[in-house]
PDB file of N, CA and C in Angstrom:
ATOM      1  N   MET A   1      19.961 156.308 -21.756  1.00  0.00           N
ATOM      2  CA  MET A   1      19.309 157.012 -20.684  1.00  0.00           C
ATOM      3  C   MET A   1      18.868 156.005 -19.621  1.00  0.00           C
ATOM      4  N   LEU A   2      19.122 156.372 -18.382  1.00  0.00           N
ATOM      5  CA  LEU A   2      18.697 155.545 -17.257  1.00  0.00           C
ATOM      6  C   LEU A   2      17.598 156.250 -16.487  1.00  0.00           C
ATOM      7  N   ALA A   3      16.689 155.478 -15.966  1.00  0.00           N
ATOM      8  CA  ALA A   3      15.642 156.048 -15.132  1.00  0.00           C
ATOM      9  C   ALA A   3      16.254 156.602 -13.850  1.00  0.00           C
ATOM     10  N   THR A   4      15.704 157.683 -13.361  1.00  0.00           N
ATOM     11  CA  THR A   4      16.190 158.283 -12.114  1.00  0.00           C
ATOM     12  C   THR A   4      16.194 157.273 -10.981  1.00  0.00           C
ATOM     13  N   SER A   5      15.176 156.448 -10.909  1.00  0.00           N
ATOM     14  CA  SER A   5      15.110 155.451  -9.836  1.00  0.00           C
ATOM     15  C   SER A   5      16.259 154.455  -9.927  1.00  0.00           C
ATOM     16  N   THR A   6      16.685 154.119 -11.134  1.00  0.00           N
ATOM     17  CA  THR A   6      17.822 153.205 -11.314  1.00  0.00           C
ATOM     18  C   THR A   6      19.100 153.858 -10.828  1.00  0.00           C
ATOM     19  N   ILE A   7      19.301 155.102 -11.205  1.00  0.00           N
ATOM     20  CA  ILE A   7      20.497 155.836 -10.770  1.00  0.00           C
ATOM     21  C   ILE A   7      20.519 155.929  -9.251  1.00  0.00           C
ATOM     22  N   GLN A   8      19.390 156.266  -8.653  1.00  0.00           N
ATOM     23  CA  GLN A   8      19.330 156.402  -7.199  1.00  0.00           C
ATOM     24  C   GLN A   8      19.610 155.069  -6.504  1.00  0.00           C
ATOM     25  N   ARG A   9      19.087 153.984  -7.037  1.00  0.00           N
ATOM     26  CA  ARG A   9      19.297 152.667  -6.444  1.00  0.00           C
ATOM     27  C   ARG A   9      20.779 152.281  -6.495  1.00  0.00           C
ATOM     28  N   VAL A  10      21.414 152.479  -7.637  1.00  0.00           N
ATOM     29  CA  VAL A  10      22.832 152.142  -7.794  1.00  0.00           C
ATOM     30  C   VAL A  10      23.687 153.058  -6.922  1.00  0.00           C
ATOM     31  N   TRP A  11      23.351 154.352  -6.890  1.00  0.00           N
ATOM     32  CA  TRP A  11      24.092 155.309  -6.065  1.00  0.00           C
ATOM     33  C   TRP A  11      24.017 154.923  -4.597  1.00  0.00           C
ATOM     34  N   ASP A  12      22.824 154.562  -4.128  1.00  0.00           N
ATOM     35  CA  ASP A  12      22.651 154.158  -2.738  1.00  0.00           C
ATOM     36  C   ASP A  12      23.479 152.923  -2.430  1.00  0.00           C
ATOM     37  N   LYS A  13      23.475 151.957  -3.313  1.00  0.00           N
ATOM     38  CA  LYS A  13      24.258 150.727  -3.114  1.00  0.00           C
ATOM     39  C   LYS A  13      25.758 151.040  -3.053  1.00  0.00           C
ATOM     40  N   ALA A  14      26.221 151.919  -3.922  1.00  0.00           N
ATOM     41  CA  ALA A  14      27.644 152.298  -3.936  1.00  0.00           C
ATOM     42  C   ALA A  14      28.021 153.029  -2.647  1.00  0.00           C
ATOM     43  N   ARG A  15      27.171 153.944  -2.198  1.00  0.00           N
ATOM     44  CA  ARG A  15      27.437 154.676  -0.951  1.00  0.00           C
ATOM     45  C   ARG A  15      27.502 153.726   0.235  1.00  0.00           C
ATOM     46  N   ARG A  16      26.554 152.785   0.284  1.00  0.00           N
ATOM     47  CA  ARG A  16      26.500 151.835   1.395  1.00  0.00           C
ATOM     48  C   ARG A  16      27.770 150.980   1.429  1.00  0.00           C
ATOM     49  N   ALA A  17      28.283 150.609   0.250  1.00  0.00           N
ATOM     50  CA  ALA A  17      29.478 149.768   0.158  1.00  0.00           C
ATOM     51  C   ALA A  17      30.756 150.538   0.491  1.00  0.00           C
ATOM     52  N   ALA A  18      30.788 151.830   0.156  1.00  0.00           N
ATOM     53  CA  ALA A  18      32.028 152.591   0.272  1.00  0.00           C
ATOM     54  C   ALA A  18      32.168 153.401   1.555  1.00  0.00           C
ATOM     55  N   LEU A  19      31.061 153.711   2.206  1.00  0.00           N
ATOM     56  CA  LEU A  19      31.094 154.629   3.346  1.00  0.00           C
ATOM     57  C   LEU A  19      30.848 153.911   4.659  1.00  0.00           C
ATOM     58  N   SER A  20      31.360 154.524   5.721  1.00  0.00           N
ATOM     59  CA  SER A  20      31.044 154.023   7.061  1.00  0.00           C
ATOM     60  C   SER A  20      29.562 154.297   7.331  1.00  0.00           C
ATOM     61  N   PRO A  21      28.978 153.636   8.332  1.00  0.00           N
ATOM     62  CA  PRO A  21      27.572 153.916   8.649  1.00  0.00           C
ATOM     63  C   PRO A  21      27.313 155.389   8.977  1.00  0.00           C
ATOM     64  N   GLU A  22      28.260 156.056   9.659  1.00  0.00           N
ATOM     65  CA  GLU A  22      28.098 157.472   9.986  1.00  0.00           C
ATOM     66  C   GLU A  22      28.124 158.323   8.719  1.00  0.00           C
ATOM     67  N   GLU A  23      29.070 158.034   7.832  1.00  0.00           N
ATOM     68  CA  GLU A  23      29.158 158.783   6.575  1.00  0.00           C
ATOM     69  C   GLU A  23      27.918 158.539   5.716  1.00  0.00           C
ATOM     70  N   TYR A  24      27.498 157.286   5.664  1.00  0.00           N
ATOM     71  CA  TYR A  24      26.314 156.937   4.869  1.00  0.00           C
ATOM     72  C   TYR A  24      25.079 157.693   5.360  1.00  0.00           C
ATOM     73  N   GLY A  25      24.980 157.888   6.657  1.00  0.00           N
ATOM     74  CA  GLY A  25      23.827 158.579   7.230  1.00  0.00           C
ATOM     75  C   GLY A  25      23.877 160.081   7.136  1.00  0.00           C
ATOM     76  N   SER A  26      25.007 160.643   6.710  1.00  0.00           N
ATOM     77  CA  SER A  26      25.135 162.095   6.636  1.00  0.00           C
ATOM     78  C   SER A  26      24.517 162.628   5.343  1.00  0.00           C
ATOM     79  N   PRO A  27      24.095 163.903   5.354  1.00  0.00           N
ATOM     80  CA  PRO A  27      23.419 164.464   4.183  1.00  0.00           C
ATOM     81  C   PRO A  27      24.244 164.536   2.896  1.00  0.00           C
ATOM     82  N   PRO A  28      25.539 164.933   2.943  1.00  0.00           N
ATOM     83  CA  PRO A  28      26.243 165.063   1.667  1.00  0.00           C
ATOM     84  C   PRO A  28      26.260 163.745   0.887  1.00  0.00           C
ATOM     85  N   ALA A  29      25.964 163.854  -0.372  1.00  0.00           N
ATOM     86  CA  ALA A  29      26.025 162.752  -1.326  1.00  0.00           C
ATOM     87  C   ALA A  29      24.879 161.754  -1.199  1.00  0.00           C
ATOM     88  N   LYS A  30      23.790 162.136  -0.531  1.00  0.00           N
ATOM     89  CA  LYS A  30      22.627 161.238  -0.534  1.00  0.00           C
ATOM     90  C   LYS A  30      22.121 161.080  -1.966  1.00  0.00           C
ATOM     91  N   ARG A  31      22.240 162.155  -2.728  1.00  0.00           N
ATOM     92  CA  ARG A  31      21.918 162.100  -4.160  1.00  0.00           C
ATOM     93  C   ARG A  31      23.182 162.471  -4.914  1.00  0.00           C
ATOM     94  N   VAL A  32      23.307 161.996  -6.136  1.00  0.00           N
ATOM     95  CA  VAL A  32      24.491 162.326  -6.945  1.00  0.00           C
ATOM     96  C   VAL A  32      24.642 163.842  -7.033  1.00  0.00           C
ATOM     97  N   TYR A  33      23.541 164.558  -7.201  1.00  0.00           N
ATOM     98  CA  TYR A  33      23.585 166.013  -7.341  1.00  0.00           C
ATOM     99  C   TYR A  33      24.167 166.681  -6.097  1.00  0.00           C
ATOM    100  N   ASP A  34      24.028 166.049  -4.935  1.00  0.00           N
ATOM    101  CA  ASP A  34      24.562 166.625  -3.696  1.00  0.00           C
ATOM    102  C   ASP A  34      26.071 166.825  -3.774  1.00  0.00           C
ATOM    103  N   LEU A  35      26.760 165.982  -4.529  1.00  0.00           N
ATOM    104  CA  LEU A  35      28.218 166.146  -4.682  1.00  0.00           C
ATOM    105  C   LEU A  35      28.535 167.485  -5.332  1.00  0.00           C
ATOM    106  N   ARG A  36      27.750 167.863  -6.321  1.00  0.00           N
ATOM    107  CA  ARG A  36      27.950 169.158  -6.979  1.00  0.00           C
ATOM    108  C   ARG A  36      27.728 170.291  -5.987  1.00  0.00           C
ATOM    109  N   HIS A  37      26.676 170.184  -5.207  1.00  0.00           N
ATOM    110  CA  HIS A  37      26.358 171.210  -4.218  1.00  0.00           C
ATOM    111  C   HIS A  37      27.498 171.359  -3.203  1.00  0.00           C
ATOM    112  N   VAL A  38      27.990 170.253  -2.696  1.00  0.00           N
ATOM    113  CA  VAL A  38      29.097 170.291  -1.729  1.00  0.00           C
ATOM    114  C   VAL A  38      30.343 170.894  -2.375  1.00  0.00           C
ATOM    115  N   CYS A  39      30.614 170.490  -3.600  1.00  0.00           N
ATOM    116  CA  CYS A  39      31.802 170.993  -4.299  1.00  0.00           C
ATOM    117  C   CYS A  39      31.730 172.510  -4.505  1.00  0.00           C
ATOM    118  N   LEU A  40      30.626 172.992  -5.055  1.00  0.00           N
ATOM    119  CA  LEU A  40      30.517 174.426  -5.333  1.00  0.00           C
ATOM    120  C   LEU A  40      30.487 175.241  -4.043  1.00  0.00           C
ATOM    121  N   SER A  41      29.813 174.746  -3.032  1.00  0.00           N
ATOM    122  CA  SER A  41      29.787 175.435  -1.734  1.00  0.00           C
ATOM    123  C   SER A  41      31.190 175.516  -1.144  1.00  0.00           C
ATOM    124  N   THR A  42      31.933 174.425  -1.252  1.00  0.00           N
ATOM    125  CA  THR A  42      33.309 174.394  -0.730  1.00  0.00           C
ATOM    126  C   THR A  42      34.184 175.389  -1.469  1.00  0.00           C
ATOM    127  N   TRP A  43      34.083 175.428  -2.784  1.00  0.00           N
ATOM    128  CA  TRP A  43      34.884 176.378  -3.560  1.00  0.00           C
ATOM    129  C   TRP A  43      34.560 177.811  -3.161  1.00  0.00           C
ATOM    130  N   LEU A  44      33.280 178.136  -3.047  1.00  0.00           N
ATOM    131  CA  LEU A  44      32.900 179.500  -2.675  1.00  0.00           C
ATOM    132  C   LEU A  44      33.395 179.854  -1.278  1.00  0.00           C
ATOM    133  N   ASN A  45      33.263 178.932  -0.330  1.00  0.00           N
ATOM    134  CA  ASN A  45      33.724 179.188   1.032  1.00  0.00           C
ATOM    135  C   ASN A  45      35.240 179.224   1.135  1.00  0.00           C
ATOM    136  N   ALA A  46      35.929 178.647   0.153  1.00  0.00           N
ATOM    137  CA  ALA A  46      37.393 178.704   0.129  1.00  0.00           C
ATOM    138  C   ALA A  46      37.886 180.032  -0.425  1.00  0.00           C
ATOM    139  N   GLY A  47      36.942 180.864  -0.886  1.00  0.00           N
ATOM    140  CA  GLY A  47      37.325 182.183  -1.389  1.00  0.00           C
ATOM    141  C   GLY A  47      37.534 182.245  -2.893  1.00  0.00           C
ATOM    142  N   ILE A  48      37.221 181.167  -3.604  1.00  0.00           N
ATOM    143  CA  ILE A  48      37.313 181.207  -5.066  1.00  0.00           C
ATOM    144  C   ILE A  48      36.248 182.193  -5.556  1.00  0.00           C
ATOM    145  N   SER A  49      36.598 183.025  -6.509  1.00  0.00           N
ATOM    146  CA  SER A  49      35.664 184.063  -6.958  1.00  0.00           C
ATOM    147  C   SER A  49      34.414 183.424  -7.552  1.00  0.00           C
ATOM    148  N   PRO A  50      33.254 184.016  -7.269  1.00  0.00           N
ATOM    149  CA  PRO A  50      32.013 183.491  -7.855  1.00  0.00           C
ATOM    150  C   PRO A  50      32.059 183.412  -9.371  1.00  0.00           C
ATOM    151  N   LYS A  51      32.758 184.344 -10.000  1.00  0.00           N
ATOM    152  CA  LYS A  51      32.882 184.311 -11.464  1.00  0.00           C
ATOM    153  C   LYS A  51      33.583 183.038 -11.910  1.00  0.00           C
ATOM    154  N   GLN A  52      34.659 182.670 -11.214  1.00  0.00           N
ATOM    155  CA  GLN A  52      35.402 181.463 -11.573  1.00  0.00           C
ATOM    156  C   GLN A  52      34.590 180.205 -11.282  1.00  0.00           C
ATOM    157  N   VAL A  53      33.946 180.161 -10.120  1.00  0.00           N
ATOM    158  CA  VAL A  53      33.131 178.993  -9.754  1.00  0.00           C
ATOM    159  C   VAL A  53      31.992 178.824 -10.753  1.00  0.00           C
ATOM    160  N   ALA A  54      31.348 179.925 -11.126  1.00  0.00           N
ATOM    161  CA  ALA A  54      30.251 179.854 -12.099  1.00  0.00           C
ATOM    162  C   ALA A  54      30.747 179.303 -13.431  1.00  0.00           C
ATOM    163  N   GLU A  55      31.915 179.755 -13.848  1.00  0.00           N
ATOM    164  CA  GLU A  55      32.482 179.271 -15.109  1.00  0.00           C
ATOM    165  C   GLU A  55      32.750 177.769 -15.035  1.00  0.00           C
ATOM    166  N   TRP A  56      33.397 177.327 -13.960  1.00  0.00           N
ATOM    167  CA  TRP A  56      33.684 175.899 -13.800  1.00  0.00           C
ATOM    168  C   TRP A  56      32.402 175.067 -13.731  1.00  0.00           C
ATOM    169  N   ALA A  57      31.365 175.638 -13.115  1.00  0.00           N
ATOM    170  CA  ALA A  57      30.112 174.910 -12.920  1.00  0.00           C
ATOM    171  C   ALA A  57      29.194 174.973 -14.140  1.00  0.00           C
ATOM    172  N   GLY A  58      29.507 175.874 -15.069  1.00  0.00           N
ATOM    173  CA  GLY A  58      28.647 176.026 -16.232  1.00  0.00           C
ATOM    174  C   GLY A  58      27.380 176.803 -15.929  1.00  0.00           C
ATOM    175  N   ASN A  59      27.478 177.717 -14.971  1.00  0.00           N
ATOM    176  CA  ASN A  59      26.348 178.563 -14.584  1.00  0.00           C
ATOM    177  C   ASN A  59      26.713 180.018 -14.806  1.00  0.00           C
ATOM    178  N   SER A  60      25.712 180.874 -14.766  1.00  0.00           N
ATOM    179  CA  SER A  60      25.976 182.303 -14.710  1.00  0.00           C
ATOM    180  C   SER A  60      26.259 182.646 -13.244  1.00  0.00           C
ATOM    181  N   VAL A  61      26.913 183.762 -13.014  1.00  0.00           N
ATOM    182  CA  VAL A  61      27.162 184.209 -11.643  1.00  0.00           C
ATOM    183  C   VAL A  61      25.826 184.441 -10.935  1.00  0.00           C
ATOM    184  N   GLU A  62      24.856 184.977 -11.650  1.00  0.00           N
ATOM    185  CA  GLU A  62      23.543 185.240 -11.063  1.00  0.00           C
ATOM    186  C   GLU A  62      22.900 183.948 -10.545  1.00  0.00           C
ATOM    187  N   VAL A  63      22.896 182.912 -11.360  1.00  0.00           N
ATOM    188  CA  VAL A  63      22.304 181.633 -10.946  1.00  0.00           C
ATOM    189  C   VAL A  63      23.101 181.030  -9.795  1.00  0.00           C
ATOM    190  N   LEU A  64      24.412 181.090  -9.896  1.00  0.00           N
ATOM    191  CA  LEU A  64      25.269 180.536  -8.846  1.00  0.00           C
ATOM    192  C   LEU A  64      24.972 181.196  -7.499  1.00  0.00           C
ATOM    193  N   LEU A  65      24.957 182.527  -7.468  1.00  0.00           N
ATOM    194  CA  LEU A  65      24.736 183.222  -6.195  1.00  0.00           C
ATOM    195  C   LEU A  65      23.312 183.072  -5.685  1.00  0.00           C
ATOM    196  N   ARG A  66      22.348 183.016  -6.592  1.00  0.00           N
ATOM    197  CA  ARG A  66      20.966 182.803  -6.154  1.00  0.00           C
ATOM    198  C   ARG A  66      20.835 181.443  -5.466  1.00  0.00           C
ATOM    199  N   THR A  67      21.572 180.460  -5.959  1.00  0.00           N
ATOM    200  CA  THR A  67      21.494 179.110  -5.413  1.00  0.00           C
ATOM    201  C   THR A  67      22.392 178.923  -4.199  1.00  0.00           C
ATOM    202  N   TYR A  68      23.595 179.496  -4.213  1.00  0.00           N
ATOM    203  CA  TYR A  68      24.608 179.160  -3.211  1.00  0.00           C
ATOM    204  C   TYR A  68      24.949 180.266  -2.217  1.00  0.00           C
ATOM    205  N   ALA A  69      24.394 181.456  -2.366  1.00  0.00           N
ATOM    206  CA  ALA A  69      24.736 182.547  -1.440  1.00  0.00           C
ATOM    207  C   ALA A  69      24.448 182.165   0.012  1.00  0.00           C
ATOM    208  N   LYS A  70      23.393 181.405   0.242  1.00  0.00           N
ATOM    209  CA  LYS A  70      23.042 181.001   1.617  1.00  0.00           C
ATOM    210  C   LYS A  70      24.075 180.039   2.205  1.00  0.00           C
ATOM    211  N   CYS A  71      24.939 179.477   1.369  1.00  0.00           N
ATOM    212  CA  CYS A  71      25.956 178.533   1.843  1.00  0.00           C
ATOM    213  C   CYS A  71      27.239 179.227   2.275  1.00  0.00           C
ATOM    214  N   LEU A  72      27.356 180.514   1.976  1.00  0.00           N
ATOM    215  CA  LEU A  72      28.563 181.253   2.329  1.00  0.00           C
ATOM    216  C   LEU A  72      28.519 181.620   3.806  1.00  0.00           C
ATOM    217  N   VAL A  73      29.462 181.096   4.557  1.00  0.00           N
ATOM    218  CA  VAL A  73      29.493 181.338   6.000  1.00  0.00           C
ATOM    219  C   VAL A  73      30.916 181.609   6.469  1.00  0.00           C
ATOM    220  N   GLY A  74      31.010 182.365   7.539  1.00  0.00           N
ATOM    221  CA  GLY A  74      32.290 182.559   8.220  1.00  0.00           C
ATOM    222  C   GLY A  74      33.340 183.316   7.448  1.00  0.00           C
ATOM    223  N   GLN A  75      32.949 184.196   6.566  1.00  0.00           N
ATOM    224  CA  GLN A  75      33.949 184.914   5.773  1.00  0.00           C
ATOM    225  C   GLN A  75      34.122 186.362   6.201  1.00  0.00           C
ATOM    226  N   ASP A  76      33.453 186.768   7.262  1.00  0.00           N
ATOM    227  CA  ASP A  76      33.515 188.161   7.693  1.00  0.00           C
ATOM    228  C   ASP A  76      34.932 188.603   8.016  1.00  0.00           C
ATOM    229  N   GLU A  77      35.636 187.822   8.833  1.00  0.00           N
ATOM    230  CA  GLU A  77      36.987 188.220   9.239  1.00  0.00           C
ATOM    231  C   GLU A  77      37.937 188.270   8.047  1.00  0.00           C
ATOM    232  N   VAL A  78      37.862 187.268   7.179  1.00  0.00           N
ATOM    233  CA  VAL A  78      38.723 187.238   5.996  1.00  0.00           C
ATOM    234  C   VAL A  78      38.430 188.434   5.105  1.00  0.00           C
ATOM    235  N   SER A  79      37.165 188.740   4.920  1.00  0.00           N
ATOM    236  CA  SER A  79      36.782 189.876   4.074  1.00  0.00           C
ATOM    237  C   SER A  79      37.287 191.196   4.653  1.00  0.00           C
ATOM    238  N   MET A  80      37.132 191.372   5.945  1.00  0.00           N
ATOM    239  CA  MET A  80      37.609 192.620   6.591  1.00  0.00           C
ATOM    240  C   MET A  80      39.133 192.736   6.480  1.00  0.00           C
ATOM    241  N   ARG A  81      39.835 191.615   6.639  1.00  0.00           N
ATOM    242  CA  ARG A  81      41.299 191.645   6.505  1.00  0.00           C
ATOM    243  C   ARG A  81      41.693 192.026   5.081  1.00  0.00           C
ATOM    244  N   ARG A  82      40.994 191.480   4.098  1.00  0.00           N
ATOM    245  CA  ARG A  82      41.320 191.815   2.702  1.00  0.00           C
ATOM    246  C   ARG A  82      41.076 193.287   2.418  1.00  0.00           C
ATOM    247  N   ILE A  83      40.014 193.845   2.977  1.00  0.00           N
ATOM    248  CA  ILE A  83      39.744 195.277   2.807  1.00  0.00           C
ATOM    249  C   ILE A  83      40.858 196.095   3.429  1.00  0.00           C
ATOM    250  N   SER A  84      41.256 195.744   4.646  1.00  0.00           N
ATOM    251  CA  SER A  84      42.338 196.463   5.333  1.00  0.00           C
ATOM    252  C   SER A  84      43.635 196.388   4.548  1.00  0.00           C
ATOM    253  N   GLU A  85      43.944 195.205   4.013  1.00  0.00           N
ATOM    254  CA  GLU A  85      45.170 195.042   3.225  1.00  0.00           C
ATOM    255  C   GLU A  85      45.106 195.884   1.948  1.00  0.00           C
ATOM    256  N   ALA A  86      43.928 195.921   1.317  1.00  0.00           N
ATOM    257  CA  ALA A  86      43.798 196.691   0.083  1.00  0.00           C
ATOM    258  C   ALA A  86      43.956 198.187   0.332  1.00  0.00           C
ATOM    259  N   LEU A  87      43.519 198.635   1.509  1.00  0.00           N
ATOM    260  CA  LEU A  87      43.624 200.044   1.851  1.00  0.00           C
ATOM    261  C   LEU A  87      44.993 200.426   2.407  1.00  0.00           C
ATOM    262  N   GLY A  88      45.795 199.411   2.692  1.00  0.00           N
ATOM    263  CA  GLY A  88      47.148 199.652   3.164  1.00  0.00           C
ATOM    264  C   GLY A  88      47.161 200.028   4.609  1.00  0.00           C
TER     265      GLY A  88
END
């Protein structure tokens, strides 16, 4: 087991070494956990079903949507097109 402060220190050093100054200053991946957030948000916004994302993430659909529903953006047009296609 490592102390959280140790993990954060090593993570920060790795980010500083691997990323440009602009990337380093951006919010994604400031913490290791942020990578999970970016990944799950990306999957949901790509249209992967919440059931599948929850399974991959090891969460229930309820927990997943409670946490990530606010991250779903710009899907209105795609959703309306899918409804139209389903109705023929």
